[in-house]
Amino acid sequence: MLHTLMLYSDIEYDAMLRHLSKCHAGSIVLGQDQEVPNRFDVVTATHVKTDEKFGIGICSSNVSIPPACLPLAKENLLLIGYNSKVAAVELRTNRLRFDVELPFLFYFMFFYDAGETVVIVHEIGVDVVTLTGDIVWQQSTDIVSHYYIEGEKIVVGQAEGGELVYFLDDGRPA
């Protein structure tokens, strides 16, 4: 990745706008469609050679689950999980590649299959998407209480008790 990333977390709306105004390579704002945003974050990506700064503002309506960032250097891509979405921003072009809507609140994400797919854990299940935002597979569960990886499988604990196990490559129950 040819960028250094800086996160300004849980700031006021005006502070988010000030940070974005200093980004001379441009900026985008995610989550502007939220009815009542009450958390604001900014990620800045500064190119290590040109020192150009690009900004990503994030408006959230859920203060208990902060946004999460996951860089993929080989694609010069930054994934951002927030609210009930996962967005991919191309740092090479400073454009939004995709913004995937999840069934419920975003919890966590990680790369799988040598960085070719993204596993997304949300409030009621697991979705796996490609680097273009296409759905590979989805599994719905009860409210997710915990999750962990066991070899080539993901284990999803449910709030009402019990665990469900799925193969990461295709979502089949194990």
C-alpha atoms as a PDB file:
ATOM      1  CA  MET A   1       0.000   0.000   0.000  1.00  0.00           C
ATOM      2  CA  LEU A   2       1.392   3.371  -0.934  1.00  0.00           C
ATOM      3  CA  HIS A   3      -0.549   5.232   1.734  1.00  0.00           C
ATOM      4  CA  THR A   4      -0.304   5.854   5.428  1.00  0.00           C
ATOM      5  CA  LEU A   5      -3.655   5.781   7.193  1.00  0.00           C
ATOM      6  CA  MET A   6      -4.773   7.950  10.089  1.00  0.00           C
ATOM      7  CA  LEU A   7      -8.040   7.496  11.989  1.00  0.00           C
ATOM      8  CA  TYR A   8      -9.752  10.332  13.820  1.00  0.00           C
ATOM      9  CA  SER A   9     -12.281   8.515  15.959  1.00  0.00           C
ATOM     10  CA  ASP A  10     -15.570   9.613  17.510  1.00  0.00           C
ATOM     11  CA  ILE A  11     -15.272  13.326  16.714  1.00  0.00           C
ATOM     12  CA  GLU A  12     -17.884  16.052  16.296  1.00  0.00           C
ATOM     13  CA  TYR A  13     -19.555  16.599  12.917  1.00  0.00           C
ATOM     14  CA  ASP A  14     -17.842  19.986  12.420  1.00  0.00           C
ATOM     15  CA  ALA A  15     -14.453  18.417  13.208  1.00  0.00           C
ATOM     16  CA  MET A  16     -15.113  15.737  10.587  1.00  0.00           C
ATOM     17  CA  LEU A  17     -15.819  18.438   7.991  1.00  0.00           C
ATOM     18  CA  ARG A  18     -12.639  20.344   8.980  1.00  0.00           C
ATOM     19  CA  HIS A  19     -10.505  17.198   8.554  1.00  0.00           C
ATOM     20  CA  LEU A  20     -12.072  16.488   5.159  1.00  0.00           C
ATOM     21  CA  SER A  21     -11.556  20.075   3.984  1.00  0.00           C
ATOM     22  CA  LYS A  22      -7.784  19.600   4.447  1.00  0.00           C
ATOM     23  CA  CYS A  23      -7.758  16.623   2.053  1.00  0.00           C
ATOM     24  CA  HIS A  24      -6.584  18.168  -1.217  1.00  0.00           C
ATOM     25  CA  ALA A  25      -6.906  14.913  -3.173  1.00  0.00           C
ATOM     26  CA  GLY A  26     -10.619  14.911  -2.363  1.00  0.00           C
ATOM     27  CA  SER A  27     -12.938  13.159   0.042  1.00  0.00           C
ATOM     28  CA  ILE A  28     -16.073  11.081   0.313  1.00  0.00           C
ATOM     29  CA  VAL A  29     -18.557  10.674   3.151  1.00  0.00           C
ATOM     30  CA  LEU A  30     -20.073   7.302   3.972  1.00  0.00           C
ATOM     31  CA  GLY A  31     -23.336   6.922   5.862  1.00  0.00           C
ATOM     32  CA  GLN A  32     -24.860  10.261   4.906  1.00  0.00           C
ATOM     33  CA  ASP A  33     -28.170   8.435   4.517  1.00  0.00           C
ATOM     34  CA  GLN A  34     -28.430   7.802   8.288  1.00  0.00           C
ATOM     35  CA  GLU A  35     -31.542   9.336   9.824  1.00  0.00           C
ATOM     36  CA  VAL A  36     -29.862  10.352  13.061  1.00  0.00           C
ATOM     37  CA  PRO A  37     -26.091  10.013  12.858  1.00  0.00           C
ATOM     38  CA  ASN A  38     -24.515  10.437  16.286  1.00  0.00           C
ATOM     39  CA  ARG A  39     -20.943   9.316  15.696  1.00  0.00           C
ATOM     40  CA  PHE A  40     -18.468  10.752  13.215  1.00  0.00           C
ATOM     41  CA  ASP A  41     -15.071   9.381  12.209  1.00  0.00           C
ATOM     42  CA  VAL A  42     -12.505  10.268   9.556  1.00  0.00           C
ATOM     43  CA  VAL A  43      -9.870   8.135   7.876  1.00  0.00           C
ATOM     44  CA  THR A  44      -7.193   9.984   5.940  1.00  0.00           C
ATOM     45  CA  ALA A  45      -4.969   8.234   3.419  1.00  0.00           C
ATOM     46  CA  THR A  46      -1.757  10.106   2.666  1.00  0.00           C
ATOM     47  CA  HIS A  47       0.249   8.961  -0.352  1.00  0.00           C
ATOM     48  CA  VAL A  48       3.812   8.233   0.833  1.00  0.00           C
ATOM     49  CA  LYS A  49       5.487   9.674  -2.283  1.00  0.00           C
ATOM     50  CA  THR A  50       3.326  12.662  -3.212  1.00  0.00           C
ATOM     51  CA  ASP A  51       2.000  13.527   0.280  1.00  0.00           C
ATOM     52  CA  GLU A  52      -1.487  13.968  -1.254  1.00  0.00           C
ATOM     53  CA  LYS A  53      -4.210  13.377   1.302  1.00  0.00           C
ATOM     54  CA  PHE A  54      -7.599  11.756   0.602  1.00  0.00           C
ATOM     55  CA  GLY A  55     -10.306  11.717   3.279  1.00  0.00           C
ATOM     56  CA  ILE A  56     -13.133   9.360   4.112  1.00  0.00           C
ATOM     57  CA  GLY A  57     -15.789  10.633   6.487  1.00  0.00           C
ATOM     58  CA  ILE A  58     -17.979   8.074   8.259  1.00  0.00           C
ATOM     59  CA  CYS A  59     -21.381   8.928   9.735  1.00  0.00           C
ATOM     60  CA  SER A  60     -22.710   6.281  12.111  1.00  0.00           C
ATOM     61  CA  SER A  61     -25.921   5.872  14.006  1.00  0.00           C
ATOM     62  CA  ASN A  62     -24.615   3.204  16.354  1.00  0.00           C
ATOM     63  CA  VAL A  63     -22.112   4.409  18.930  1.00  0.00           C
ATOM     64  CA  SER A  64     -21.650   0.999  20.582  1.00  0.00           C
ATOM     65  CA  ILE A  65     -20.025  -0.575  17.490  1.00  0.00           C
ATOM     66  CA  PRO A  66     -17.309   1.687  16.054  1.00  0.00           C
ATOM     67  CA  PRO A  67     -16.409   1.544  12.360  1.00  0.00           C
ATOM     68  CA  ALA A  68     -13.614  -0.849  11.384  1.00  0.00           C
ATOM     69  CA  CYS A  69     -10.974  -0.427   8.673  1.00  0.00           C
ATOM     70  CA  LEU A  70      -9.254  -3.253   6.817  1.00  0.00           C
ATOM     71  CA  PRO A  71      -6.568  -2.384   4.222  1.00  0.00           C
ATOM     72  CA  LEU A  72      -5.629  -4.688   1.343  1.00  0.00           C
ATOM     73  CA  ALA A  73      -2.236  -3.531   0.070  1.00  0.00           C
ATOM     74  CA  LYS A  74      -2.127  -5.595  -3.127  1.00  0.00           C
ATOM     75  CA  GLU A  75      -5.343  -3.930  -4.359  1.00  0.00           C
ATOM     76  CA  ASN A  76      -4.620  -0.528  -2.779  1.00  0.00           C
ATOM     77  CA  LEU A  77      -8.066  -0.954  -1.247  1.00  0.00           C
ATOM     78  CA  LEU A  78      -9.503   0.089   2.103  1.00  0.00           C
ATOM     79  CA  LEU A  79     -12.582  -1.679   3.419  1.00  0.00           C
ATOM     80  CA  ILE A  80     -14.678   0.104   6.019  1.00  0.00           C
ATOM     81  CA  GLY A  81     -17.389  -1.591   8.044  1.00  0.00           C
ATOM     82  CA  TYR A  82     -19.939   0.776   9.557  1.00  0.00           C
ATOM     83  CA  ASN A  83     -23.624   0.766  10.533  1.00  0.00           C
ATOM     84  CA  SER A  84     -25.075  -2.092   8.451  1.00  0.00           C
ATOM     85  CA  LYS A  85     -22.698  -1.680   5.510  1.00  0.00           C
ATOM     86  CA  VAL A  86     -19.235  -2.508   4.248  1.00  0.00           C
ATOM     87  CA  ALA A  87     -17.667  -0.094   1.776  1.00  0.00           C
ATOM     88  CA  ALA A  88     -14.538  -0.522  -0.325  1.00  0.00           C
ATOM     89  CA  VAL A  89     -12.574   2.585  -1.270  1.00  0.00           C
ATOM     90  CA  GLU A  90      -9.929   2.404  -3.997  1.00  0.00           C
ATOM     91  CA  LEU A  91      -7.009   4.494  -2.782  1.00  0.00           C
ATOM     92  CA  ARG A  92      -5.379   4.483  -6.211  1.00  0.00           C
ATOM     93  CA  THR A  93      -8.339   6.357  -7.760  1.00  0.00           C
ATOM     94  CA  ASN A  94      -9.966   7.811  -4.598  1.00  0.00           C
ATOM     95  CA  ARG A  95     -13.295   6.275  -5.585  1.00  0.00           C
ATOM     96  CA  LEU A  96     -15.867   4.075  -3.923  1.00  0.00           C
ATOM     97  CA  ARG A  97     -15.683   0.568  -5.423  1.00  0.00           C
ATOM     98  CA  PHE A  98     -18.729  -0.785  -3.578  1.00  0.00           C
ATOM     99  CA  ASP A  99     -20.976  -0.219  -0.575  1.00  0.00           C
ATOM    100  CA  VAL A 100     -22.635  -3.514   0.429  1.00  0.00           C
ATOM    101  CA  GLU A 101     -25.814  -3.394   2.491  1.00  0.00           C
ATOM    102  CA  LEU A 102     -25.920  -5.988   5.312  1.00  0.00           C
ATOM    103  CA  PRO A 103     -29.120  -7.404   6.834  1.00  0.00           C
ATOM    104  CA  PHE A 104     -28.195  -6.011  10.273  1.00  0.00           C
ATOM    105  CA  LEU A 105     -25.410  -4.239  12.167  1.00  0.00           C
ATOM    106  CA  PHE A 106     -21.810  -4.783  11.091  1.00  0.00           C
ATOM    107  CA  TYR A 107     -19.596  -6.564  13.686  1.00  0.00           C
ATOM    108  CA  PHE A 108     -16.297  -7.641  12.095  1.00  0.00           C
ATOM    109  CA  MET A 109     -14.594  -8.538   8.804  1.00  0.00           C
ATOM    110  CA  PHE A 110     -11.472 -10.295   7.582  1.00  0.00           C
ATOM    111  CA  PHE A 111      -9.919 -11.397   4.304  1.00  0.00           C
ATOM    112  CA  TYR A 112     -10.108 -15.020   3.196  1.00  0.00           C
ATOM    113  CA  ASP A 113      -8.854 -16.991   0.200  1.00  0.00           C
ATOM    114  CA  ALA A 114      -5.560 -15.089  -0.130  1.00  0.00           C
ATOM    115  CA  GLY A 115      -7.395 -11.757   0.020  1.00  0.00           C
ATOM    116  CA  GLU A 116      -9.831 -12.618  -2.781  1.00  0.00           C
ATOM    117  CA  THR A 117     -12.940 -12.549  -0.589  1.00  0.00           C
ATOM    118  CA  VAL A 118     -14.080 -10.731   2.539  1.00  0.00           C
ATOM    119  CA  VAL A 119     -15.863 -12.539   5.368  1.00  0.00           C
ATOM    120  CA  ILE A 120     -18.279 -10.193   7.132  1.00  0.00           C
ATOM    121  CA  VAL A 121     -19.850 -11.037  10.481  1.00  0.00           C
ATOM    122  CA  HIS A 122     -22.953  -9.021  11.306  1.00  0.00           C
ATOM    123  CA  GLU A 123     -25.610  -9.068  14.003  1.00  0.00           C
ATOM    124  CA  ILE A 124     -27.545 -12.029  12.566  1.00  0.00           C
ATOM    125  CA  GLY A 125     -25.104 -13.997  10.444  1.00  0.00           C
ATOM    126  CA  VAL A 126     -22.203 -14.150   8.028  1.00  0.00           C
ATOM    127  CA  ASP A 127     -21.840 -12.814   4.481  1.00  0.00           C
ATOM    128  CA  VAL A 128     -18.902 -13.415   2.154  1.00  0.00           C
ATOM    129  CA  VAL A 129     -18.309 -10.994  -0.722  1.00  0.00           C
ATOM    130  CA  THR A 130     -15.779 -10.649  -3.528  1.00  0.00           C
ATOM    131  CA  LEU A 131     -13.522  -7.620  -3.924  1.00  0.00           C
ATOM    132  CA  THR A 132     -16.104  -6.199  -6.322  1.00  0.00           C
ATOM    133  CA  GLY A 133     -18.897  -6.473  -3.732  1.00  0.00           C
ATOM    134  CA  ASP A 134     -20.650  -9.511  -5.226  1.00  0.00           C
ATOM    135  CA  ILE A 135     -22.179 -11.927  -2.721  1.00  0.00           C
ATOM    136  CA  VAL A 136     -20.434 -15.326  -2.625  1.00  0.00           C
ATOM    137  CA  TRP A 137     -22.617 -16.753   0.141  1.00  0.00           C
ATOM    138  CA  GLN A 138     -24.755 -15.722   3.111  1.00  0.00           C
ATOM    139  CA  GLN A 139     -25.891 -17.546   6.227  1.00  0.00           C
ATOM    140  CA  SER A 140     -28.413 -16.161   8.698  1.00  0.00           C
ATOM    141  CA  THR A 141     -28.359 -17.077  12.372  1.00  0.00           C
ATOM    142  CA  ASP A 142     -29.863 -15.997  15.632  1.00  0.00           C
ATOM    143  CA  ILE A 143     -28.179 -12.937  17.155  1.00  0.00           C
ATOM    144  CA  VAL A 144     -24.431 -13.540  16.991  1.00  0.00           C
ATOM    145  CA  SER A 145     -22.777 -13.656  20.417  1.00  0.00           C
ATOM    146  CA  HIS A 146     -19.287 -14.721  19.326  1.00  0.00           C
ATOM    147  CA  TYR A 147     -17.380 -16.140  16.376  1.00  0.00           C
ATOM    148  CA  TYR A 148     -14.009 -17.701  15.673  1.00  0.00           C
ATOM    149  CA  ILE A 149     -12.097 -19.441  12.900  1.00  0.00           C
ATOM    150  CA  GLU A 150     -11.310 -23.121  13.142  1.00  0.00           C
ATOM    151  CA  GLY A 151      -9.211 -24.225  10.183  1.00  0.00           C
ATOM    152  CA  GLU A 152     -11.262 -23.661   7.012  1.00  0.00           C
ATOM    153  CA  LYS A 153     -14.489 -23.053   8.970  1.00  0.00           C
ATOM    154  CA  ILE A 154     -16.137 -20.229  10.853  1.00  0.00           C
ATOM    155  CA  VAL A 155     -17.903 -21.032  14.124  1.00  0.00           C
ATOM    156  CA  VAL A 156     -20.768 -18.668  14.976  1.00  0.00           C
ATOM    157  CA  GLY A 157     -22.171 -18.616  18.512  1.00  0.00           C
ATOM    158  CA  GLN A 158     -25.784 -17.631  18.955  1.00  0.00           C
ATOM    159  CA  ALA A 159     -27.183 -15.508  21.792  1.00  0.00           C
ATOM    160  CA  GLU A 160     -29.896 -18.093  22.471  1.00  0.00           C
ATOM    161  CA  GLY A 161     -27.230 -20.799  22.810  1.00  0.00           C
ATOM    162  CA  GLY A 162     -25.448 -23.211  20.526  1.00  0.00           C
ATOM    163  CA  GLU A 163     -22.954 -22.747  17.740  1.00  0.00           C
ATOM    164  CA  LEU A 164     -23.276 -23.052  13.976  1.00  0.00           C
ATOM    165  CA  VAL A 165     -20.289 -24.034  11.828  1.00  0.00           C
ATOM    166  CA  TYR A 166     -19.844 -23.144   8.148  1.00  0.00           C
ATOM    167  CA  PHE A 167     -17.148 -23.859   5.586  1.00  0.00           C
ATOM    168  CA  LEU A 168     -15.552 -20.548   4.593  1.00  0.00           C
ATOM    169  CA  ASP A 169     -15.191 -21.376   0.894  1.00  0.00           C
ATOM    170  CA  ASP A 170     -18.877 -21.975   0.137  1.00  0.00           C
ATOM    171  CA  GLY A 171     -20.957 -21.470   3.319  1.00  0.00           C
ATOM    172  CA  ARG A 172     -22.007 -25.118   3.612  1.00  0.00           C
ATOM    173  CA  PRO A 173     -22.899 -26.180   7.165  1.00  0.00           C
ATOM    174  CA  ALA A 174     -20.100 -28.316   8.585  1.00  0.00           C
END
